[in-house]
């Protein structure tokens, strides 16, 4: 019986080619593995869709780089239900399912958490994208799927280019829920702060900035990561956001931006498989392992 299985993507289990991107994944999992082993826990690592793996032989499964789930959403959802009957998931199933779909932003807003103005669009919508955008009254906005990662099908729209996206919008809305958000302009100047919270307590933070001329902060699109020391207000905001979740997450990443009124706003709450940048703050792997240990010892 293994104590902990780290869940990843098949591409990152035994990669034949290791570039900087894959190397970061391997390094992060190494740091976590060593921190857990220091606490007397046995650790292994495999892809979530490994059909040869006996999930009844591991006590707990911890989501790490399952970064293909949003491209295989239905398959991943079925696997979640199946594996939850064989082992214990960290974070738990109900929290993972809630966080997989960006409708959770509506729940956060209802709990008093500031999020960007958001309009959800459901399959079967007959209005054109141009009509929907016009109805919002927003000069600039972002279109994205409700289930996505790595800025998949994320587009910046305005009155001049909205018709160029009608074809892709019609294809997407036939298959999945979408959302439109008012564009928050300070993302291009101040960037986005990712605050890691383990066991409800702030661990460390990084600042993500988009490359010149873009709005997407992901490194897939040329974004860069920088050291960042958050203010007490930012830490309190992140910890409070996590505290509104039920069940309570063992680990979370709260992505914050400054909205168009210069108020802190949650752009994303990542509870499934967030990059946690242990390599940027080595004590964080210890804090992460300690939060897991407390959870499994309950």
C-alpha atoms as a PDB file:
ATOM      1  CA  UNK A   1       0.000   0.000   0.000  1.00  0.00           C
ATOM      2  CA  UNK A   2       1.385   3.393  -1.065  1.00  0.00           C
ATOM      3  CA  UNK A   3       0.546   6.426   1.056  1.00  0.00           C
ATOM      4  CA  UNK A   4       0.515   9.063  -1.684  1.00  0.00           C
ATOM      5  CA  UNK A   5       0.181   8.891  -5.461  1.00  0.00           C
ATOM      6  CA  UNK A   6       0.957  12.111  -7.309  1.00  0.00           C
ATOM      7  CA  UNK A   7      -1.330  12.480 -10.324  1.00  0.00           C
ATOM      8  CA  UNK A   8       0.095  13.814 -13.553  1.00  0.00           C
ATOM      9  CA  UNK A   9      -0.341  13.747 -17.318  1.00  0.00           C
ATOM     10  CA  UNK A  10       0.979  10.772 -19.322  1.00  0.00           C
ATOM     11  CA  UNK A  11       3.235  13.145 -21.270  1.00  0.00           C
ATOM     12  CA  UNK A  12       5.183  13.879 -18.089  1.00  0.00           C
ATOM     13  CA  UNK A  13       5.658  10.393 -16.631  1.00  0.00           C
ATOM     14  CA  UNK A  14       8.692   9.197 -18.581  1.00  0.00           C
ATOM     15  CA  UNK A  15       9.240  11.957 -21.144  1.00  0.00           C
ATOM     16  CA  UNK A  16      11.651  11.158 -23.967  1.00  0.00           C
ATOM     17  CA  UNK A  17      12.364  14.845 -24.466  1.00  0.00           C
ATOM     18  CA  UNK A  18      12.825  17.176 -21.525  1.00  0.00           C
ATOM     19  CA  UNK A  19      12.573  20.866 -22.339  1.00  0.00           C
ATOM     20  CA  UNK A  20      12.340  23.693 -19.802  1.00  0.00           C
ATOM     21  CA  UNK A  21       8.569  23.218 -19.470  1.00  0.00           C
ATOM     22  CA  UNK A  22       8.767  19.508 -18.666  1.00  0.00           C
ATOM     23  CA  UNK A  23      11.806  20.072 -16.465  1.00  0.00           C
ATOM     24  CA  UNK A  24       9.788  22.472 -14.297  1.00  0.00           C
ATOM     25  CA  UNK A  25       7.088  19.822 -13.845  1.00  0.00           C
ATOM     26  CA  UNK A  26       9.615  17.155 -12.896  1.00  0.00           C
ATOM     27  CA  UNK A  27      11.414  19.492 -10.497  1.00  0.00           C
ATOM     28  CA  UNK A  28       8.179  20.509  -8.778  1.00  0.00           C
ATOM     29  CA  UNK A  29       7.139  16.883  -8.265  1.00  0.00           C
ATOM     30  CA  UNK A  30      10.606  16.001  -6.994  1.00  0.00           C
ATOM     31  CA  UNK A  31      10.388  18.710  -4.340  1.00  0.00           C
ATOM     32  CA  UNK A  32       6.935  17.522  -3.253  1.00  0.00           C
ATOM     33  CA  UNK A  33       7.989  13.875  -3.215  1.00  0.00           C
ATOM     34  CA  UNK A  34      11.026  14.575  -1.035  1.00  0.00           C
ATOM     35  CA  UNK A  35       9.005  16.719   1.380  1.00  0.00           C
ATOM     36  CA  UNK A  36       6.400  13.982   1.776  1.00  0.00           C
ATOM     37  CA  UNK A  37       9.038  11.268   2.181  1.00  0.00           C
ATOM     38  CA  UNK A  38      10.715  13.291   4.938  1.00  0.00           C
ATOM     39  CA  UNK A  39       7.470  12.885   6.843  1.00  0.00           C
ATOM     40  CA  UNK A  40       7.612   9.109   6.554  1.00  0.00           C
ATOM     41  CA  UNK A  41       5.150   8.810   3.671  1.00  0.00           C
ATOM     42  CA  UNK A  42       5.663   6.495   0.711  1.00  0.00           C
ATOM     43  CA  UNK A  43       5.144   8.285  -2.603  1.00  0.00           C
ATOM     44  CA  UNK A  44       4.694   7.229  -6.203  1.00  0.00           C
ATOM     45  CA  UNK A  45       3.692   9.118  -9.338  1.00  0.00           C
ATOM     46  CA  UNK A  46       1.587   8.178 -12.357  1.00  0.00           C
ATOM     47  CA  UNK A  47      -0.755   9.556 -14.980  1.00  0.00           C
ATOM     48  CA  UNK A  48      -4.394   9.770 -13.966  1.00  0.00           C
ATOM     49  CA  UNK A  49      -5.507   7.637 -16.929  1.00  0.00           C
ATOM     50  CA  UNK A  50      -3.108   4.769 -16.237  1.00  0.00           C
ATOM     51  CA  UNK A  51      -5.358   1.747 -16.787  1.00  0.00           C
ATOM     52  CA  UNK A  52      -2.734  -0.613 -15.329  1.00  0.00           C
ATOM     53  CA  UNK A  53      -2.578   1.173 -11.986  1.00  0.00           C
ATOM     54  CA  UNK A  54      -4.395  -0.343  -9.005  1.00  0.00           C
ATOM     55  CA  UNK A  55      -5.942   2.667  -7.307  1.00  0.00           C
ATOM     56  CA  UNK A  56      -7.043   0.559  -4.347  1.00  0.00           C
ATOM     57  CA  UNK A  57      -3.355   0.214  -3.438  1.00  0.00           C
ATOM     58  CA  UNK A  58      -2.838   3.906  -2.659  1.00  0.00           C
ATOM     59  CA  UNK A  59      -4.263   5.662   0.381  1.00  0.00           C
ATOM     60  CA  UNK A  60      -4.443   9.152  -1.123  1.00  0.00           C
ATOM     61  CA  UNK A  61      -4.160  10.662  -4.595  1.00  0.00           C
ATOM     62  CA  UNK A  62      -2.891  14.233  -4.936  1.00  0.00           C
ATOM     63  CA  UNK A  63      -3.600  16.190  -8.114  1.00  0.00           C
ATOM     64  CA  UNK A  64      -0.497  17.736  -9.634  1.00  0.00           C
ATOM     65  CA  UNK A  65      -0.021  18.245 -13.395  1.00  0.00           C
ATOM     66  CA  UNK A  66      -3.150  16.612 -14.833  1.00  0.00           C
ATOM     67  CA  UNK A  67      -2.988  19.241 -17.531  1.00  0.00           C
ATOM     68  CA  UNK A  68      -4.899  17.390 -20.199  1.00  0.00           C
ATOM     69  CA  UNK A  69      -8.153  17.089 -18.242  1.00  0.00           C
ATOM     70  CA  UNK A  70      -9.849  20.091 -19.863  1.00  0.00           C
ATOM     71  CA  UNK A  71      -9.269  18.563 -23.307  1.00  0.00           C
ATOM     72  CA  UNK A  72     -10.733  15.244 -22.131  1.00  0.00           C
ATOM     73  CA  UNK A  73     -13.365  16.591 -19.781  1.00  0.00           C
ATOM     74  CA  UNK A  74     -15.988  13.851 -20.074  1.00  0.00           C
ATOM     75  CA  UNK A  75     -13.416  11.088 -19.772  1.00  0.00           C
ATOM     76  CA  UNK A  76     -11.783  12.801 -16.793  1.00  0.00           C
ATOM     77  CA  UNK A  77     -15.155  13.284 -15.106  1.00  0.00           C
ATOM     78  CA  UNK A  78     -15.975   9.587 -15.420  1.00  0.00           C
ATOM     79  CA  UNK A  79     -12.536   8.662 -14.087  1.00  0.00           C
ATOM     80  CA  UNK A  80     -13.012  10.956 -11.086  1.00  0.00           C
ATOM     81  CA  UNK A  81     -16.199   9.182 -10.078  1.00  0.00           C
ATOM     82  CA  UNK A  82     -14.573   5.787 -10.509  1.00  0.00           C
ATOM     83  CA  UNK A  83     -11.331   6.524  -8.683  1.00  0.00           C
ATOM     84  CA  UNK A  84     -13.132   8.207  -5.803  1.00  0.00           C
ATOM     85  CA  UNK A  85     -14.574   4.792  -4.921  1.00  0.00           C
ATOM     86  CA  UNK A  86     -11.089   3.293  -4.714  1.00  0.00           C
ATOM     87  CA  UNK A  87      -8.974   5.878  -2.918  1.00  0.00           C
ATOM     88  CA  UNK A  88      -9.111   9.306  -1.227  1.00  0.00           C
ATOM     89  CA  UNK A  89      -8.680  12.421  -3.352  1.00  0.00           C
ATOM     90  CA  UNK A  90      -6.831  15.533  -2.233  1.00  0.00           C
ATOM     91  CA  UNK A  91      -8.571  17.939  -2.796  1.00  0.00           C
ATOM     92  CA  UNK A  92     -11.874  16.032  -2.395  1.00  0.00           C
ATOM     93  CA  UNK A  93     -14.167  15.066  -5.264  1.00  0.00           C
ATOM     94  CA  UNK A  94     -16.965  17.553  -4.593  1.00  0.00           C
ATOM     95  CA  UNK A  95     -14.489  20.425  -4.492  1.00  0.00           C
ATOM     96  CA  UNK A  96     -12.749  19.271  -7.669  1.00  0.00           C
ATOM     97  CA  UNK A  97     -16.023  18.981  -9.574  1.00  0.00           C
ATOM     98  CA  UNK A  98     -17.092  22.430  -8.389  1.00  0.00           C
ATOM     99  CA  UNK A  99     -13.789  24.003  -9.387  1.00  0.00           C
ATOM    100  CA  UNK A 100     -13.600  22.347 -12.812  1.00  0.00           C
ATOM    101  CA  UNK A 101     -16.283  24.656 -14.182  1.00  0.00           C
ATOM    102  CA  UNK A 102     -15.916  28.435 -14.035  1.00  0.00           C
ATOM    103  CA  UNK A 103     -19.525  28.783 -12.956  1.00  0.00           C
ATOM    104  CA  UNK A 104     -17.845  28.683  -9.537  1.00  0.00           C
ATOM    105  CA  UNK A 105     -17.113  32.398 -10.079  1.00  0.00           C
ATOM    106  CA  UNK A 106     -20.834  33.058  -9.685  1.00  0.00           C
ATOM    107  CA  UNK A 107     -20.782  31.204  -6.364  1.00  0.00           C
ATOM    108  CA  UNK A 108     -17.806  33.237  -5.171  1.00  0.00           C
ATOM    109  CA  UNK A 109     -19.604  36.463  -6.072  1.00  0.00           C
ATOM    110  CA  UNK A 110     -22.653  35.304  -4.115  1.00  0.00           C
ATOM    111  CA  UNK A 111     -20.351  34.738  -1.138  1.00  0.00           C
ATOM    112  CA  UNK A 112     -19.160  38.334  -1.292  1.00  0.00           C
ATOM    113  CA  UNK A 113     -15.900  37.747  -3.171  1.00  0.00           C
ATOM    114  CA  UNK A 114     -15.114  40.346  -5.827  1.00  0.00           C
ATOM    115  CA  UNK A 115     -14.778  38.791  -9.311  1.00  0.00           C
ATOM    116  CA  UNK A 116     -14.747  40.433 -12.759  1.00  0.00           C
ATOM    117  CA  UNK A 117     -18.222  41.166 -14.192  1.00  0.00           C
ATOM    118  CA  UNK A 118     -19.163  37.892 -15.884  1.00  0.00           C
ATOM    119  CA  UNK A 119     -21.935  36.754 -18.196  1.00  0.00           C
ATOM    120  CA  UNK A 120     -22.421  32.993 -18.655  1.00  0.00           C
ATOM    121  CA  UNK A 121     -23.646  31.691 -22.014  1.00  0.00           C
ATOM    122  CA  UNK A 122     -25.146  28.231 -22.200  1.00  0.00           C
ATOM    123  CA  UNK A 123     -25.422  25.728 -25.080  1.00  0.00           C
ATOM    124  CA  UNK A 124     -28.459  26.447 -27.223  1.00  0.00           C
ATOM    125  CA  UNK A 125     -27.886  30.216 -27.199  1.00  0.00           C
ATOM    126  CA  UNK A 126     -29.342  31.629 -30.433  1.00  0.00           C
ATOM    127  CA  UNK A 127     -28.070  35.210 -30.243  1.00  0.00           C
ATOM    128  CA  UNK A 128     -24.991  36.081 -32.231  1.00  0.00           C
ATOM    129  CA  UNK A 129     -21.779  36.816 -30.398  1.00  0.00           C
ATOM    130  CA  UNK A 130     -22.009  40.428 -31.558  1.00  0.00           C
ATOM    131  CA  UNK A 131     -25.490  40.735 -30.046  1.00  0.00           C
ATOM    132  CA  UNK A 132     -24.330  39.267 -26.751  1.00  0.00           C
ATOM    133  CA  UNK A 133     -21.292  41.523 -26.532  1.00  0.00           C
ATOM    134  CA  UNK A 134     -23.385  44.586 -27.367  1.00  0.00           C
ATOM    135  CA  UNK A 135     -25.872  43.693 -24.630  1.00  0.00           C
ATOM    136  CA  UNK A 136     -23.147  43.826 -21.981  1.00  0.00           C
ATOM    137  CA  UNK A 137     -22.249  47.428 -22.671  1.00  0.00           C
ATOM    138  CA  UNK A 138     -18.562  46.586 -22.256  1.00  0.00           C
ATOM    139  CA  UNK A 139     -16.095  48.156 -24.703  1.00  0.00           C
ATOM    140  CA  UNK A 140     -13.569  45.332 -24.299  1.00  0.00           C
ATOM    141  CA  UNK A 141     -14.274  41.842 -23.045  1.00  0.00           C
ATOM    142  CA  UNK A 142     -12.877  38.332 -22.828  1.00  0.00           C
ATOM    143  CA  UNK A 143     -14.543  35.210 -24.221  1.00  0.00           C
ATOM    144  CA  UNK A 144     -13.546  31.823 -22.801  1.00  0.00           C
ATOM    145  CA  UNK A 145     -15.000  28.358 -22.152  1.00  0.00           C
ATOM    146  CA  UNK A 146     -16.416  27.567 -18.729  1.00  0.00           C
ATOM    147  CA  UNK A 147     -14.114  24.532 -18.644  1.00  0.00           C
ATOM    148  CA  UNK A 148     -10.626  25.431 -19.760  1.00  0.00           C
ATOM    149  CA  UNK A 149      -6.980  25.790 -18.888  1.00  0.00           C
ATOM    150  CA  UNK A 150      -3.839  27.319 -20.354  1.00  0.00           C
ATOM    151  CA  UNK A 151      -5.994  30.057 -21.953  1.00  0.00           C
ATOM    152  CA  UNK A 152      -7.715  27.550 -24.264  1.00  0.00           C
ATOM    153  CA  UNK A 153     -10.023  29.404 -26.687  1.00  0.00           C
ATOM    154  CA  UNK A 154      -9.573  32.671 -24.813  1.00  0.00           C
ATOM    155  CA  UNK A 155     -10.194  35.728 -26.986  1.00  0.00           C
ATOM    156  CA  UNK A 156     -10.216  39.467 -26.400  1.00  0.00           C
ATOM    157  CA  UNK A 157     -13.218  41.055 -28.108  1.00  0.00           C
ATOM    158  CA  UNK A 158     -14.382  44.533 -29.033  1.00  0.00           C
ATOM    159  CA  UNK A 159     -16.828  46.066 -31.508  1.00  0.00           C
ATOM    160  CA  UNK A 160     -14.240  45.922 -34.283  1.00  0.00           C
ATOM    161  CA  UNK A 161     -13.250  42.239 -34.101  1.00  0.00           C
ATOM    162  CA  UNK A 162     -16.260  40.485 -32.574  1.00  0.00           C
ATOM    163  CA  UNK A 163     -17.614  39.329 -35.938  1.00  0.00           C
ATOM    164  CA  UNK A 164     -14.284  37.627 -36.669  1.00  0.00           C
ATOM    165  CA  UNK A 165     -14.996  35.238 -33.771  1.00  0.00           C
ATOM    166  CA  UNK A 166     -18.574  34.334 -34.677  1.00  0.00           C
ATOM    167  CA  UNK A 167     -17.669  31.040 -36.377  1.00  0.00           C
ATOM    168  CA  UNK A 168     -15.560  29.700 -33.510  1.00  0.00           C
ATOM    169  CA  UNK A 169     -18.140  30.912 -30.990  1.00  0.00           C
ATOM    170  CA  UNK A 170     -20.950  29.027 -32.772  1.00  0.00           C
ATOM    171  CA  UNK A 171     -18.852  25.859 -32.806  1.00  0.00           C
ATOM    172  CA  UNK A 172     -17.953  26.141 -29.129  1.00  0.00           C
ATOM    173  CA  UNK A 173     -21.405  27.103 -27.836  1.00  0.00           C
ATOM    174  CA  UNK A 174     -22.894  24.071 -29.545  1.00  0.00           C
ATOM    175  CA  UNK A 175     -20.669  21.887 -27.389  1.00  0.00           C
ATOM    176  CA  UNK A 176     -20.029  23.672 -24.094  1.00  0.00           C
ATOM    177  CA  UNK A 177     -20.836  26.596 -21.824  1.00  0.00           C
ATOM    178  CA  UNK A 178     -18.961  29.827 -22.413  1.00  0.00           C
ATOM    179  CA  UNK A 179     -18.534  33.044 -20.506  1.00  0.00           C
ATOM    180  CA  UNK A 180     -17.819  36.674 -21.299  1.00  0.00           C
ATOM    181  CA  UNK A 181     -16.040  38.923 -18.829  1.00  0.00           C
ATOM    182  CA  UNK A 182     -15.459  42.642 -18.904  1.00  0.00           C
ATOM    183  CA  UNK A 183     -11.786  43.142 -19.701  1.00  0.00           C
ATOM    184  CA  UNK A 184      -9.817  44.345 -16.690  1.00  0.00           C
ATOM    185  CA  UNK A 185      -7.207  46.665 -18.176  1.00  0.00           C
ATOM    186  CA  UNK A 186      -4.648  46.536 -15.374  1.00  0.00           C
ATOM    187  CA  UNK A 187      -3.818  42.930 -16.249  1.00  0.00           C
ATOM    188  CA  UNK A 188      -1.576  44.372 -18.989  1.00  0.00           C
ATOM    189  CA  UNK A 189       0.228  46.780 -16.657  1.00  0.00           C
ATOM    190  CA  UNK A 190       0.206  45.298 -13.154  1.00  0.00           C
ATOM    191  CA  UNK A 191      -0.150  41.643 -14.143  1.00  0.00           C
ATOM    192  CA  UNK A 192      -1.744  38.873 -12.098  1.00  0.00           C
ATOM    193  CA  UNK A 193      -0.624  37.725  -8.648  1.00  0.00           C
ATOM    194  CA  UNK A 194      -0.821  34.025  -7.765  1.00  0.00           C
ATOM    195  CA  UNK A 195      -0.972  33.404  -4.019  1.00  0.00           C
ATOM    196  CA  UNK A 196      -0.489  29.841  -2.780  1.00  0.00           C
ATOM    197  CA  UNK A 197      -2.534  28.855   0.288  1.00  0.00           C
ATOM    198  CA  UNK A 198      -1.860  25.558   2.083  1.00  0.00           C
ATOM    199  CA  UNK A 199      -4.059  24.442   4.960  1.00  0.00           C
ATOM    200  CA  UNK A 200      -5.750  27.832   4.840  1.00  0.00           C
ATOM    201  CA  UNK A 201      -2.498  29.754   5.365  1.00  0.00           C
ATOM    202  CA  UNK A 202      -0.604  31.829   2.832  1.00  0.00           C
ATOM    203  CA  UNK A 203       2.669  30.268   1.712  1.00  0.00           C
ATOM    204  CA  UNK A 204       4.187  32.369  -1.067  1.00  0.00           C
ATOM    205  CA  UNK A 205       3.312  34.325  -4.184  1.00  0.00           C
ATOM    206  CA  UNK A 206       4.506  35.053  -7.691  1.00  0.00           C
ATOM    207  CA  UNK A 207       3.644  37.776 -10.178  1.00  0.00           C
ATOM    208  CA  UNK A 208       2.671  36.717 -13.688  1.00  0.00           C
ATOM    209  CA  UNK A 209       3.014  39.244 -16.490  1.00  0.00           C
ATOM    210  CA  UNK A 210       1.962  39.041 -20.118  1.00  0.00           C
ATOM    211  CA  UNK A 211       4.412  39.784 -22.892  1.00  0.00           C
ATOM    212  CA  UNK A 212       4.151  43.167 -24.560  1.00  0.00           C
ATOM    213  CA  UNK A 213       1.043  43.443 -26.704  1.00  0.00           C
ATOM    214  CA  UNK A 214      -0.724  40.442 -25.128  1.00  0.00           C
ATOM    215  CA  UNK A 215      -3.099  40.012 -22.182  1.00  0.00           C
ATOM    216  CA  UNK A 216      -2.497  36.308 -21.427  1.00  0.00           C
ATOM    217  CA  UNK A 217      -0.043  35.783 -18.574  1.00  0.00           C
ATOM    218  CA  UNK A 218       0.510  32.054 -19.188  1.00  0.00           C
ATOM    219  CA  UNK A 219       4.034  31.059 -20.233  1.00  0.00           C
ATOM    220  CA  UNK A 220       2.422  29.193 -23.151  1.00  0.00           C
ATOM    221  CA  UNK A 221       1.945  32.645 -24.681  1.00  0.00           C
ATOM    222  CA  UNK A 222       5.186  34.270 -23.637  1.00  0.00           C
ATOM    223  CA  UNK A 223       4.162  35.299 -20.137  1.00  0.00           C
ATOM    224  CA  UNK A 224       6.827  35.604 -17.452  1.00  0.00           C
ATOM    225  CA  UNK A 225       6.939  34.829 -13.721  1.00  0.00           C
ATOM    226  CA  UNK A 226       8.515  37.140 -11.163  1.00  0.00           C
ATOM    227  CA  UNK A 227       9.137  37.131  -7.438  1.00  0.00           C
ATOM    228  CA  UNK A 228       6.449  38.966  -5.517  1.00  0.00           C
ATOM    229  CA  UNK A 229       5.898  39.982  -1.895  1.00  0.00           C
ATOM    230  CA  UNK A 230       2.159  40.494  -1.402  1.00  0.00           C
ATOM    231  CA  UNK A 231       0.673  43.076   0.896  1.00  0.00           C
ATOM    232  CA  UNK A 232      -1.185  42.078   4.074  1.00  0.00           C
ATOM    233  CA  UNK A 233      -4.406  43.106   2.296  1.00  0.00           C
ATOM    234  CA  UNK A 234      -3.688  40.750  -0.622  1.00  0.00           C
ATOM    235  CA  UNK A 235      -2.853  37.866   1.717  1.00  0.00           C
ATOM    236  CA  UNK A 236      -6.021  38.446   3.749  1.00  0.00           C
ATOM    237  CA  UNK A 237      -8.109  38.586   0.566  1.00  0.00           C
ATOM    238  CA  UNK A 238      -6.660  35.294  -0.700  1.00  0.00           C
ATOM    239  CA  UNK A 239      -7.051  33.470   2.621  1.00  0.00           C
ATOM    240  CA  UNK A 240     -10.627  34.745   2.978  1.00  0.00           C
ATOM    241  CA  UNK A 241     -11.472  33.548  -0.533  1.00  0.00           C
ATOM    242  CA  UNK A 242     -10.233  30.057   0.313  1.00  0.00           C
ATOM    243  CA  UNK A 243     -12.128  30.085   3.614  1.00  0.00           C
ATOM    244  CA  UNK A 244     -15.445  30.378   1.741  1.00  0.00           C
ATOM    245  CA  UNK A 245     -14.930  26.984   0.080  1.00  0.00           C
ATOM    246  CA  UNK A 246     -16.690  23.900   1.368  1.00  0.00           C
ATOM    247  CA  UNK A 247     -15.291  21.383   1.936  1.00  0.00           C
ATOM    248  CA  UNK A 248     -12.144  23.226   2.929  1.00  0.00           C
ATOM    249  CA  UNK A 249      -9.286  22.754   0.421  1.00  0.00           C
ATOM    250  CA  UNK A 250      -5.959  21.324   1.535  1.00  0.00           C
ATOM    251  CA  UNK A 251      -4.246  23.483  -1.062  1.00  0.00           C
ATOM    252  CA  UNK A 252      -5.316  26.332  -3.305  1.00  0.00           C
ATOM    253  CA  UNK A 253      -3.954  28.956  -5.637  1.00  0.00           C
ATOM    254  CA  UNK A 254      -5.758  32.273  -5.684  1.00  0.00           C
ATOM    255  CA  UNK A 255      -5.092  34.384  -8.770  1.00  0.00           C
ATOM    256  CA  UNK A 256      -5.702  38.057  -8.079  1.00  0.00           C
ATOM    257  CA  UNK A 257      -5.888  41.077 -10.348  1.00  0.00           C
ATOM    258  CA  UNK A 258      -6.770  44.713  -9.838  1.00  0.00           C
ATOM    259  CA  UNK A 259     -10.115  45.460 -11.493  1.00  0.00           C
ATOM    260  CA  UNK A 260     -11.103  48.572 -13.401  1.00  0.00           C
ATOM    261  CA  UNK A 261     -11.999  50.276 -10.113  1.00  0.00           C
ATOM    262  CA  UNK A 262      -8.548  49.314  -8.721  1.00  0.00           C
ATOM    263  CA  UNK A 263     -10.050  46.812  -6.289  1.00  0.00           C
ATOM    264  CA  UNK A 264      -8.661  43.321  -5.708  1.00  0.00           C
ATOM    265  CA  UNK A 265     -10.538  40.715  -7.726  1.00  0.00           C
ATOM    266  CA  UNK A 266     -10.303  36.939  -8.064  1.00  0.00           C
ATOM    267  CA  UNK A 267      -9.547  36.068 -11.678  1.00  0.00           C
ATOM    268  CA  UNK A 268      -9.208  32.333 -10.973  1.00  0.00           C
ATOM    269  CA  UNK A 269      -9.411  30.050  -7.951  1.00  0.00           C
ATOM    270  CA  UNK A 270      -7.343  26.949  -8.692  1.00  0.00           C
ATOM    271  CA  UNK A 271      -8.123  23.909  -6.529  1.00  0.00           C
ATOM    272  CA  UNK A 272      -7.491  20.999  -8.889  1.00  0.00           C
ATOM    273  CA  UNK A 273      -4.070  20.947 -10.530  1.00  0.00           C
ATOM    274  CA  UNK A 274      -2.515  24.403 -10.208  1.00  0.00           C
ATOM    275  CA  UNK A 275       1.128  25.119 -10.842  1.00  0.00           C
ATOM    276  CA  UNK A 276       2.397  26.052  -7.378  1.00  0.00           C
ATOM    277  CA  UNK A 277       5.932  27.296  -8.093  1.00  0.00           C
ATOM    278  CA  UNK A 278       7.709  25.400  -5.333  1.00  0.00           C
ATOM    279  CA  UNK A 279      10.914  26.030  -7.279  1.00  0.00           C
ATOM    280  CA  UNK A 280      10.490  29.747  -6.619  1.00  0.00           C
ATOM    281  CA  UNK A 281      10.159  29.286  -2.848  1.00  0.00           C
ATOM    282  CA  UNK A 282      11.683  26.043  -1.596  1.00  0.00           C
ATOM    283  CA  UNK A 283      10.082  26.096   1.912  1.00  0.00           C
ATOM    284  CA  UNK A 284       6.684  25.905   0.183  1.00  0.00           C
ATOM    285  CA  UNK A 285       7.062  22.202  -0.607  1.00  0.00           C
ATOM    286  CA  UNK A 286       7.453  21.573   3.118  1.00  0.00           C
ATOM    287  CA  UNK A 287       4.316  23.609   3.882  1.00  0.00           C
ATOM    288  CA  UNK A 288       2.421  21.727   1.178  1.00  0.00           C
ATOM    289  CA  UNK A 289       3.534  18.352   2.570  1.00  0.00           C
ATOM    290  CA  UNK A 290       2.652  19.412   6.105  1.00  0.00           C
ATOM    291  CA  UNK A 291      -0.881  20.407   5.021  1.00  0.00           C
ATOM    292  CA  UNK A 292      -1.331  17.001   3.367  1.00  0.00           C
ATOM    293  CA  UNK A 293       0.025  15.186   6.419  1.00  0.00           C
ATOM    294  CA  UNK A 294      -2.447  16.978   8.705  1.00  0.00           C
ATOM    295  CA  UNK A 295      -5.265  16.039   6.372  1.00  0.00           C
ATOM    296  CA  UNK A 296      -4.448  12.352   6.181  1.00  0.00           C
ATOM    297  CA  UNK A 297      -3.805  12.023   9.902  1.00  0.00           C
ATOM    298  CA  UNK A 298      -7.297  13.236  10.805  1.00  0.00           C
END
